[in-house]
Amino acid sequence: MRQDNKRILPILLTTIMLFSAGCTQQNNSTNKNPTTPSESTPEATVVATAEDTGTPITVGSTITTNDMEITINKAELTYDVLPDDTSGFYSHYEADAGNVYLHLDTNIKNLAKQNLSCDKLGTVTADYNGGYTYTGQAIPEDSTTGFTYANITSIKPLETLGVHFIFKCPQEVAETQNPLFITFEPSNSSDRYIITIR
């Protein structure tokens, strides 16, 4: 009887050890790829609003930096961009069929002690419906032709010039009520300003 117990005891211990090793191995393999919220759930998509991306401003506001003072005169959707003075001869920007212009009308005063090139005033972008983006083109006013080209025009120190920014957009932008705003980032500044159109 004692010999049988001596034989059974090692077999029993071996069985218990194998069984617990198998359970441990199974648990380890399960824990190798634990399910965590970051892995199992996709990250939430955040649609930026005007307040999330810059300082909200409105038509009539003035932005002041070290180099310039920018007054926002008008922000509109239009099929024909006109200069402020249309009493005589003038050039204008008429939208192609199927397109519309988002038009930002500003006056910019040069506060710097050197000429301020109109093609280096800053970055101006439009955002339509949370992600469709358009880059604005600067168009300075000219007293004889209505508009002129930004790359050949400078604003002298302490002088003010009318500068328009136009964005060529699909006509859908004018025909819907989806969110639309403009972001203005002046040159040599870390600030961003938001003009909400709707």
C-alpha atoms as a PDB file:
ATOM      1  CA  MET A   1       0.000   0.000   0.000  1.00  0.00           C
ATOM      2  CA  ARG A   2       2.819   2.408   0.840  1.00  0.00           C
ATOM      3  CA  GLN A   3       4.562   1.638  -2.510  1.00  0.00           C
ATOM      4  CA  ASP A   4       1.358   2.405  -4.449  1.00  0.00           C
ATOM      5  CA  ASN A   5       1.103   5.719  -2.636  1.00  0.00           C
ATOM      6  CA  LYS A   6       4.706   6.462  -3.513  1.00  0.00           C
ATOM      7  CA  ARG A   7       3.952   5.837  -7.208  1.00  0.00           C
ATOM      8  CA  ILE A   8       0.655   7.719  -7.261  1.00  0.00           C
ATOM      9  CA  LEU A   9       2.015  10.806  -5.491  1.00  0.00           C
ATOM     10  CA  PRO A  10       4.620  11.722  -8.188  1.00  0.00           C
ATOM     11  CA  ILE A  11       2.069  11.074 -10.965  1.00  0.00           C
ATOM     12  CA  LEU A  12      -0.475  13.251  -9.181  1.00  0.00           C
ATOM     13  CA  LEU A  13       2.067  16.034  -8.652  1.00  0.00           C
ATOM     14  CA  THR A  14       3.174  15.885 -12.302  1.00  0.00           C
ATOM     15  CA  THR A  15      -0.451  16.088 -13.484  1.00  0.00           C
ATOM     16  CA  ILE A  16      -1.127  19.075 -11.263  1.00  0.00           C
ATOM     17  CA  MET A  17       2.023  20.836 -12.496  1.00  0.00           C
ATOM     18  CA  LEU A  18       1.160  20.210 -16.172  1.00  0.00           C
ATOM     19  CA  PHE A  19      -2.402  21.373 -15.646  1.00  0.00           C
ATOM     20  CA  SER A  20      -1.346  24.619 -13.910  1.00  0.00           C
ATOM     21  CA  ALA A  21       1.360  25.261 -16.531  1.00  0.00           C
ATOM     22  CA  GLY A  22      -1.231  24.913 -19.264  1.00  0.00           C
ATOM     23  CA  CYS A  23      -3.577  27.344 -17.522  1.00  0.00           C
ATOM     24  CA  THR A  24      -0.762  29.847 -16.990  1.00  0.00           C
ATOM     25  CA  GLN A  25       0.300  29.610 -20.626  1.00  0.00           C
ATOM     26  CA  GLN A  26      -3.275  30.141 -21.791  1.00  0.00           C
ATOM     27  CA  ASN A  27      -3.671  33.196 -19.545  1.00  0.00           C
ATOM     28  CA  ASN A  28      -0.351  34.632 -20.767  1.00  0.00           C
ATOM     29  CA  SER A  29      -1.322  34.227 -24.405  1.00  0.00           C
ATOM     30  CA  THR A  30      -4.620  35.965 -23.703  1.00  0.00           C
ATOM     31  CA  ASN A  31      -2.854  38.831 -21.939  1.00  0.00           C
ATOM     32  CA  LYS A  32      -0.300  39.400 -24.697  1.00  0.00           C
ATOM     33  CA  ASN A  33      -2.790  41.583 -26.600  1.00  0.00           C
ATOM     34  CA  PRO A  34      -4.994  43.130 -23.945  1.00  0.00           C
ATOM     35  CA  THR A  35      -7.935  45.090 -25.195  1.00  0.00           C
ATOM     36  CA  THR A  36      -7.545  48.697 -24.174  1.00  0.00           C
ATOM     37  CA  PRO A  37      -9.801  51.594 -25.130  1.00  0.00           C
ATOM     38  CA  SER A  38      -7.074  53.151 -27.288  1.00  0.00           C
ATOM     39  CA  GLU A  39      -6.663  49.966 -29.359  1.00  0.00           C
ATOM     40  CA  SER A  40     -10.234  48.785 -29.631  1.00  0.00           C
ATOM     41  CA  THR A  41     -11.986  52.124 -30.069  1.00  0.00           C
ATOM     42  CA  PRO A  42     -11.121  54.421 -32.964  1.00  0.00           C
ATOM     43  CA  GLU A  43     -10.055  57.923 -31.950  1.00  0.00           C
ATOM     44  CA  ALA A  44     -12.841  60.468 -31.977  1.00  0.00           C
ATOM     45  CA  THR A  45     -12.839  62.804 -34.957  1.00  0.00           C
ATOM     46  CA  VAL A  46     -12.864  66.405 -33.812  1.00  0.00           C
ATOM     47  CA  VAL A  47     -14.167  69.040 -36.194  1.00  0.00           C
ATOM     48  CA  ALA A  48     -12.441  72.315 -35.399  1.00  0.00           C
ATOM     49  CA  THR A  49     -14.617  75.304 -34.775  1.00  0.00           C
ATOM     50  CA  ALA A  50     -13.574  78.918 -35.089  1.00  0.00           C
ATOM     51  CA  GLU A  51     -13.041  79.193 -31.339  1.00  0.00           C
ATOM     52  CA  ASP A  52     -10.730  76.135 -31.348  1.00  0.00           C
ATOM     53  CA  THR A  53      -8.371  77.521 -33.970  1.00  0.00           C
ATOM     54  CA  GLY A  54      -7.989  81.243 -33.298  1.00  0.00           C
ATOM     55  CA  THR A  55      -9.326  84.499 -31.893  1.00  0.00           C
ATOM     56  CA  PRO A  56     -12.823  85.235 -33.224  1.00  0.00           C
ATOM     57  CA  ILE A  57     -13.245  88.662 -34.847  1.00  0.00           C
ATOM     58  CA  THR A  58     -16.060  90.275 -36.816  1.00  0.00           C
ATOM     59  CA  VAL A  59     -16.484  92.721 -39.672  1.00  0.00           C
ATOM     60  CA  GLY A  60     -15.417  96.138 -38.365  1.00  0.00           C
ATOM     61  CA  SER A  61     -12.671  94.655 -36.159  1.00  0.00           C
ATOM     62  CA  THR A  62      -9.049  95.788 -36.358  1.00  0.00           C
ATOM     63  CA  ILE A  63      -6.071  93.453 -35.962  1.00  0.00           C
ATOM     64  CA  THR A  64      -2.864  95.130 -34.796  1.00  0.00           C
ATOM     65  CA  THR A  65       0.586  93.524 -35.039  1.00  0.00           C
ATOM     66  CA  ASN A  66       4.112  94.984 -34.895  1.00  0.00           C
ATOM     67  CA  ASP A  67       4.081  95.424 -38.671  1.00  0.00           C
ATOM     68  CA  MET A  68       0.518  96.301 -39.622  1.00  0.00           C
ATOM     69  CA  GLU A  69      -2.979  97.307 -38.681  1.00  0.00           C
ATOM     70  CA  ILE A  70      -5.674  95.345 -40.537  1.00  0.00           C
ATOM     71  CA  THR A  71      -9.263  96.592 -40.570  1.00  0.00           C
ATOM     72  CA  ILE A  72     -11.917  94.117 -41.742  1.00  0.00           C
ATOM     73  CA  ASN A  73     -14.405  96.048 -43.914  1.00  0.00           C
ATOM     74  CA  LYS A  74     -16.495  93.284 -45.449  1.00  0.00           C
ATOM     75  CA  ALA A  75     -16.708  89.491 -45.813  1.00  0.00           C
ATOM     76  CA  GLU A  76     -19.087  88.083 -48.421  1.00  0.00           C
ATOM     77  CA  LEU A  77     -19.810  85.478 -51.071  1.00  0.00           C
ATOM     78  CA  THR A  78     -20.094  87.109 -54.491  1.00  0.00           C
ATOM     79  CA  TYR A  79     -19.992  86.300 -58.189  1.00  0.00           C
ATOM     80  CA  ASP A  80     -18.208  89.575 -58.991  1.00  0.00           C
ATOM     81  CA  VAL A  81     -15.488  91.187 -56.835  1.00  0.00           C
ATOM     82  CA  LEU A  82     -15.445  94.960 -57.274  1.00  0.00           C
ATOM     83  CA  PRO A  83     -12.995  97.600 -55.978  1.00  0.00           C
ATOM     84  CA  ASP A  84     -14.259 100.128 -53.423  1.00  0.00           C
ATOM     85  CA  ASP A  85     -14.326 102.915 -56.028  1.00  0.00           C
ATOM     86  CA  THR A  86     -16.405 102.041 -59.093  1.00  0.00           C
ATOM     87  CA  SER A  87     -17.059 105.618 -60.259  1.00  0.00           C
ATOM     88  CA  GLY A  88     -14.683 105.462 -63.239  1.00  0.00           C
ATOM     89  CA  PHE A  89     -12.728 102.804 -65.117  1.00  0.00           C
ATOM     90  CA  TYR A  90     -11.968  99.753 -63.003  1.00  0.00           C
ATOM     91  CA  SER A  91     -10.952  96.116 -63.240  1.00  0.00           C
ATOM     92  CA  HIS A  92     -12.915  93.424 -61.429  1.00  0.00           C
ATOM     93  CA  TYR A  93     -12.962  89.659 -60.808  1.00  0.00           C
ATOM     94  CA  GLU A  94     -15.974  87.807 -62.185  1.00  0.00           C
ATOM     95  CA  ALA A  95     -16.368  84.168 -61.116  1.00  0.00           C
ATOM     96  CA  ASP A  96     -16.303  81.442 -63.770  1.00  0.00           C
ATOM     97  CA  ALA A  97     -19.441  79.359 -64.332  1.00  0.00           C
ATOM     98  CA  GLY A  98     -19.907  76.902 -61.459  1.00  0.00           C
ATOM     99  CA  ASN A  99     -17.743  78.966 -59.077  1.00  0.00           C
ATOM    100  CA  VAL A 100     -18.165  81.734 -56.551  1.00  0.00           C
ATOM    101  CA  TYR A 101     -15.714  84.047 -54.784  1.00  0.00           C
ATOM    102  CA  LEU A 102     -15.427  84.337 -51.037  1.00  0.00           C
ATOM    103  CA  HIS A 103     -14.318  87.956 -50.702  1.00  0.00           C
ATOM    104  CA  LEU A 104     -12.590  89.600 -47.728  1.00  0.00           C
ATOM    105  CA  ASP A 105     -12.241  93.388 -48.029  1.00  0.00           C
ATOM    106  CA  THR A 106      -9.615  94.984 -45.752  1.00  0.00           C
ATOM    107  CA  ASN A 107      -7.644  98.200 -45.230  1.00  0.00           C
ATOM    108  CA  ILE A 108      -4.046  97.600 -44.199  1.00  0.00           C
ATOM    109  CA  LYS A 109      -1.861 100.243 -42.585  1.00  0.00           C
ATOM    110  CA  ASN A 110       1.913  99.687 -42.565  1.00  0.00           C
ATOM    111  CA  LEU A 111       3.278 100.218 -39.034  1.00  0.00           C
ATOM    112  CA  ALA A 112       6.801  99.085 -39.938  1.00  0.00           C
ATOM    113  CA  LYS A 113       9.660 101.402 -40.923  1.00  0.00           C
ATOM    114  CA  GLN A 114      10.132  99.755 -44.327  1.00  0.00           C
ATOM    115  CA  ASN A 115       7.820  98.996 -47.240  1.00  0.00           C
ATOM    116  CA  LEU A 116       5.372  96.147 -46.692  1.00  0.00           C
ATOM    117  CA  SER A 117       5.016  93.888 -49.736  1.00  0.00           C
ATOM    118  CA  CYS A 118       1.387  93.014 -50.473  1.00  0.00           C
ATOM    119  CA  ASP A 119       2.256  89.425 -51.371  1.00  0.00           C
ATOM    120  CA  LYS A 120       3.766  88.887 -47.889  1.00  0.00           C
ATOM    121  CA  LEU A 121       0.995  90.155 -45.637  1.00  0.00           C
ATOM    122  CA  GLY A 122       0.257  86.733 -44.180  1.00  0.00           C
ATOM    123  CA  THR A 123      -1.640  83.519 -44.780  1.00  0.00           C
ATOM    124  CA  VAL A 124      -5.368  83.757 -45.372  1.00  0.00           C
ATOM    125  CA  THR A 125      -7.361  80.531 -45.719  1.00  0.00           C
ATOM    126  CA  ALA A 126     -11.042  79.636 -45.853  1.00  0.00           C
ATOM    127  CA  ASP A 127     -12.601  76.515 -44.347  1.00  0.00           C
ATOM    128  CA  TYR A 128     -15.911  75.224 -45.705  1.00  0.00           C
ATOM    129  CA  ASN A 129     -17.915  72.492 -43.980  1.00  0.00           C
ATOM    130  CA  GLY A 130     -15.145  71.395 -41.608  1.00  0.00           C
ATOM    131  CA  GLY A 131     -12.228  70.576 -43.869  1.00  0.00           C
ATOM    132  CA  TYR A 132     -12.616  71.871 -47.436  1.00  0.00           C
ATOM    133  CA  THR A 133      -9.915  74.552 -47.496  1.00  0.00           C
ATOM    134  CA  TYR A 134      -9.139  77.351 -49.948  1.00  0.00           C
ATOM    135  CA  THR A 135      -6.196  79.763 -50.007  1.00  0.00           C
ATOM    136  CA  GLY A 136      -6.831  83.478 -50.428  1.00  0.00           C
ATOM    137  CA  GLN A 137      -5.160  85.587 -53.088  1.00  0.00           C
ATOM    138  CA  ALA A 138      -4.233  89.160 -52.111  1.00  0.00           C
ATOM    139  CA  ILE A 139      -5.437  91.824 -54.568  1.00  0.00           C
ATOM    140  CA  PRO A 140      -4.400  95.415 -53.729  1.00  0.00           C
ATOM    141  CA  GLU A 141      -6.476  98.343 -54.913  1.00  0.00           C
ATOM    142  CA  ASP A 142      -5.125 100.789 -57.470  1.00  0.00           C
ATOM    143  CA  SER A 143      -6.556 104.280 -57.978  1.00  0.00           C
ATOM    144  CA  THR A 144      -6.290 104.107 -61.780  1.00  0.00           C
ATOM    145  CA  THR A 145      -7.112 100.478 -62.600  1.00  0.00           C
ATOM    146  CA  GLY A 146      -9.286  99.347 -59.699  1.00  0.00           C
ATOM    147  CA  PHE A 147      -7.075  96.390 -58.784  1.00  0.00           C
ATOM    148  CA  THR A 148      -3.409  95.574 -59.292  1.00  0.00           C
ATOM    149  CA  TYR A 149      -1.024  92.695 -58.535  1.00  0.00           C
ATOM    150  CA  ALA A 150       0.252  91.923 -55.022  1.00  0.00           C
ATOM    151  CA  ASN A 151       3.767  90.969 -56.139  1.00  0.00           C
ATOM    152  CA  ILE A 152       4.402  94.441 -57.604  1.00  0.00           C
ATOM    153  CA  THR A 153       2.706  96.485 -54.874  1.00  0.00           C
ATOM    154  CA  SER A 154       4.030  97.638 -51.506  1.00  0.00           C
ATOM    155  CA  ILE A 155       2.515  99.717 -48.729  1.00  0.00           C
ATOM    156  CA  LYS A 156       4.813 102.544 -47.617  1.00  0.00           C
ATOM    157  CA  PRO A 157       5.479 103.130 -43.898  1.00  0.00           C
ATOM    158  CA  LEU A 158       2.462 104.643 -42.081  1.00  0.00           C
ATOM    159  CA  GLU A 159       0.335 104.526 -45.277  1.00  0.00           C
ATOM    160  CA  THR A 160      -2.925 102.599 -45.669  1.00  0.00           C
ATOM    161  CA  LEU A 161      -4.006 100.608 -48.716  1.00  0.00           C
ATOM    162  CA  GLY A 162      -7.182  98.699 -49.529  1.00  0.00           C
ATOM    163  CA  VAL A 163      -6.307  95.013 -49.963  1.00  0.00           C
ATOM    164  CA  HIS A 164      -8.874  92.400 -50.936  1.00  0.00           C
ATOM    165  CA  PHE A 165      -8.459  88.648 -50.451  1.00  0.00           C
ATOM    166  CA  ILE A 166     -10.408  86.375 -52.772  1.00  0.00           C
ATOM    167  CA  PHE A 167     -10.979  82.629 -52.606  1.00  0.00           C
ATOM    168  CA  LYS A 168     -12.233  80.791 -55.673  1.00  0.00           C
ATOM    169  CA  CYS A 169     -14.754  78.199 -54.427  1.00  0.00           C
ATOM    170  CA  PRO A 170     -17.298  75.823 -55.989  1.00  0.00           C
ATOM    171  CA  GLN A 171     -20.777  77.339 -56.303  1.00  0.00           C
ATOM    172  CA  GLU A 172     -22.045  74.867 -53.674  1.00  0.00           C
ATOM    173  CA  VAL A 173     -20.354  77.007 -51.014  1.00  0.00           C
ATOM    174  CA  ALA A 174     -22.832  79.813 -51.777  1.00  0.00           C
ATOM    175  CA  GLU A 175     -25.853  77.538 -52.139  1.00  0.00           C
ATOM    176  CA  THR A 176     -25.679  75.744 -48.779  1.00  0.00           C
ATOM    177  CA  GLN A 177     -25.689  76.804 -45.147  1.00  0.00           C
ATOM    178  CA  ASN A 178     -22.725  74.653 -44.095  1.00  0.00           C
ATOM    179  CA  PRO A 179     -20.155  76.269 -41.758  1.00  0.00           C
ATOM    180  CA  LEU A 180     -17.758  78.701 -43.424  1.00  0.00           C
ATOM    181  CA  PHE A 181     -14.995  80.782 -41.854  1.00  0.00           C
ATOM    182  CA  ILE A 182     -11.775  82.580 -42.788  1.00  0.00           C
ATOM    183  CA  THR A 183      -8.495  82.287 -40.869  1.00  0.00           C
ATOM    184  CA  PHE A 184      -6.104  85.258 -41.069  1.00  0.00           C
ATOM    185  CA  GLU A 185      -2.513  84.695 -39.890  1.00  0.00           C
ATOM    186  CA  PRO A 186      -0.530  87.958 -40.260  1.00  0.00           C
ATOM    187  CA  SER A 187       3.151  87.749 -41.195  1.00  0.00           C
ATOM    188  CA  ASN A 188       5.695  87.862 -38.345  1.00  0.00           C
ATOM    189  CA  SER A 189       3.006  86.978 -35.821  1.00  0.00           C
ATOM    190  CA  SER A 190       2.010  83.736 -34.101  1.00  0.00           C
ATOM    191  CA  ASP A 191      -1.614  84.883 -33.769  1.00  0.00           C
ATOM    192  CA  ARG A 192      -4.560  83.531 -35.767  1.00  0.00           C
ATOM    193  CA  TYR A 193      -7.826  85.388 -36.278  1.00  0.00           C
ATOM    194  CA  ILE A 194     -11.139  83.874 -37.355  1.00  0.00           C
ATOM    195  CA  ILE A 195     -13.928  85.602 -39.261  1.00  0.00           C
ATOM    196  CA  THR A 196     -17.069  83.453 -39.249  1.00  0.00           C
ATOM    197  CA  ILE A 197     -19.169  83.855 -42.380  1.00  0.00           C
ATOM    198  CA  ARG A 198     -21.907  81.502 -41.175  1.00  0.00           C
END
